[in-house]
């Protein structure tokens, strides 16, 4: 299993996303899984990677918590949470999205 945290330099939401992602993996007993951080430096990188904004989490190349309305590009990402838009998914959203791994990669493409 390959998990990536994609982000731009100095993204204010990346540290919280990193922390919540690690917590979710621990809760699921997947704390031995290595998370690779991918720095997206410019628009060329964003286009090549299909980057949907910072921060983004991918599992085996599948984007977590996508609505399908996100645009590819060098930008901040906004997540719909129960408390409104946020720069990072909630702990519960990450826990739930990662728990779908048991259902296979197709189960990961869901609206948060």
Protein backbone atom coordinates (compact mmCIF):
# COMPACT_ATOMS: atom_id res chain seq x y z
CA UNK A 1 0.00 0.00 0.00
CA UNK A 2 1.36 3.41 -1.00
CA UNK A 3 0.11 6.49 0.83
CA UNK A 4 1.13 9.97 -0.28
CA UNK A 5 0.58 13.35 1.32
CA UNK A 6 0.86 15.95 -1.43
CA UNK A 7 1.36 19.58 -0.46
CA UNK A 8 2.94 22.88 -1.39
CA UNK A 9 5.71 24.50 0.64
CA UNK A 10 4.50 26.32 3.74
CA UNK A 11 0.95 24.96 3.46
CA UNK A 12 -0.64 25.90 6.80
CA UNK A 13 -2.89 22.82 6.71
CA UNK A 14 -0.20 20.23 5.87
CA UNK A 15 1.04 19.70 9.46
CA UNK A 16 -2.49 19.00 10.71
CA UNK A 17 -3.20 16.70 7.75
CA UNK A 18 0.06 14.83 8.48
CA UNK A 19 -0.90 14.45 12.14
CA UNK A 20 -4.45 13.31 11.41
CA UNK A 21 -3.29 10.89 8.73
CA UNK A 22 -0.82 9.28 11.14
CA UNK A 23 -3.53 9.01 13.80
CA UNK A 24 -5.95 7.39 11.36
CA UNK A 25 -3.34 4.85 10.29
CA UNK A 26 -2.63 4.01 13.95
CA UNK A 27 -6.35 3.54 14.68
CA UNK A 28 -6.63 1.13 11.77
CA UNK A 29 -3.54 -0.83 12.79
CA UNK A 30 -1.69 0.45 9.72
CA UNK A 31 0.97 2.40 11.58
CA UNK A 32 3.68 0.41 9.80
CA UNK A 33 2.61 1.95 6.48
CA UNK A 34 5.04 4.63 5.31
CA UNK A 35 3.54 7.93 4.20
CA UNK A 36 5.51 9.55 1.40
CA UNK A 37 5.38 13.32 1.30
CA UNK A 38 5.25 14.81 -2.17
CA UNK A 39 6.19 18.47 -2.48
CA UNK A 40 4.40 20.19 -5.35
CA UNK A 41 6.67 23.06 -6.38
CA UNK A 42 4.96 24.69 -9.33
CA UNK A 43 2.07 24.51 -11.77
CA UNK A 44 4.00 22.10 -13.99
CA UNK A 45 4.27 19.67 -11.05
CA UNK A 46 0.59 20.20 -10.26
CA UNK A 47 -0.46 19.36 -13.81
CA UNK A 48 1.85 16.34 -14.05
CA UNK A 49 0.59 14.97 -10.71
CA UNK A 50 -3.08 15.83 -11.22
CA UNK A 51 -2.80 17.80 -7.99
CA UNK A 52 -6.15 18.85 -6.53
CA UNK A 53 -4.76 21.26 -3.96
CA UNK A 54 -2.76 21.33 -0.77
CA UNK A 55 -2.94 19.16 1.23
CA UNK A 56 -4.13 16.04 -0.60
CA UNK A 57 -3.94 12.38 0.40
CA UNK A 58 -3.66 9.53 -2.09
CA UNK A 59 -3.73 5.81 -1.47
CA UNK A 60 -2.27 3.71 -4.28
CA UNK A 61 -2.79 6.67 -6.60
CA UNK A 62 -6.45 7.16 -5.63
CA UNK A 63 -7.37 10.57 -4.23
CA UNK A 64 -9.08 10.50 -0.83
CA UNK A 65 -12.09 12.67 -0.09
CA UNK A 66 -12.67 14.05 -3.54
CA UNK A 67 -16.00 15.43 -4.69
CA UNK A 68 -15.10 15.49 -8.36
CA UNK A 69 -15.48 19.27 -8.44
CA UNK A 70 -11.85 20.02 -7.57
CA UNK A 71 -9.67 21.57 -10.25
CA UNK A 72 -6.12 20.49 -11.00
CA UNK A 73 -3.62 23.19 -10.15
CA UNK A 74 -1.34 24.78 -7.64
CA UNK A 75 -3.80 25.87 -4.95
CA UNK A 76 -5.03 25.41 -1.42
CA UNK A 77 -7.56 22.65 -0.98
CA UNK A 78 -10.85 23.11 0.83
CA UNK A 79 -12.71 20.21 2.40
CA UNK A 80 -16.40 20.18 3.27
CA UNK A 81 -16.62 19.25 6.94
CA UNK A 82 -19.56 19.18 9.37
CA UNK A 83 -18.38 22.60 10.61
CA UNK A 84 -18.04 24.13 7.15
CA UNK A 85 -15.13 24.44 4.73
CA UNK A 86 -11.69 23.66 6.12
CA UNK A 87 -8.14 23.39 4.80
CA UNK A 88 -7.90 19.87 6.21
CA UNK A 89 -10.31 16.96 6.50
CA UNK A 90 -11.51 16.15 10.00
CA UNK A 91 -10.08 13.23 11.91
CA UNK A 92 -13.36 11.37 11.44
CA UNK A 93 -13.32 11.95 7.67
CA UNK A 94 -9.79 10.58 7.34
CA UNK A 95 -10.58 7.63 9.62
CA UNK A 96 -13.63 6.76 7.54
CA UNK A 97 -11.91 7.24 4.17
CA UNK A 98 -8.96 5.06 5.16
CA UNK A 99 -11.21 2.38 6.63
CA UNK A 100 -12.66 1.89 3.14
CA UNK A 101 -9.32 0.33 2.17
CA UNK A 102 -10.85 -2.96 3.22
CA UNK A 103 -13.39 -2.42 0.44
CA UNK A 104 -10.70 -1.86 -2.20
CA UNK A 105 -9.51 1.25 -4.05
CA UNK A 106 -12.84 1.87 -5.81
CA UNK A 107 -14.42 2.52 -2.42
CA UNK A 108 -12.04 5.44 -1.83
CA UNK A 109 -13.64 7.74 -4.41
CA UNK A 110 -16.51 8.99 -2.29
CA UNK A 111 -17.89 12.34 -1.34
CA UNK A 112 -16.87 13.27 2.22
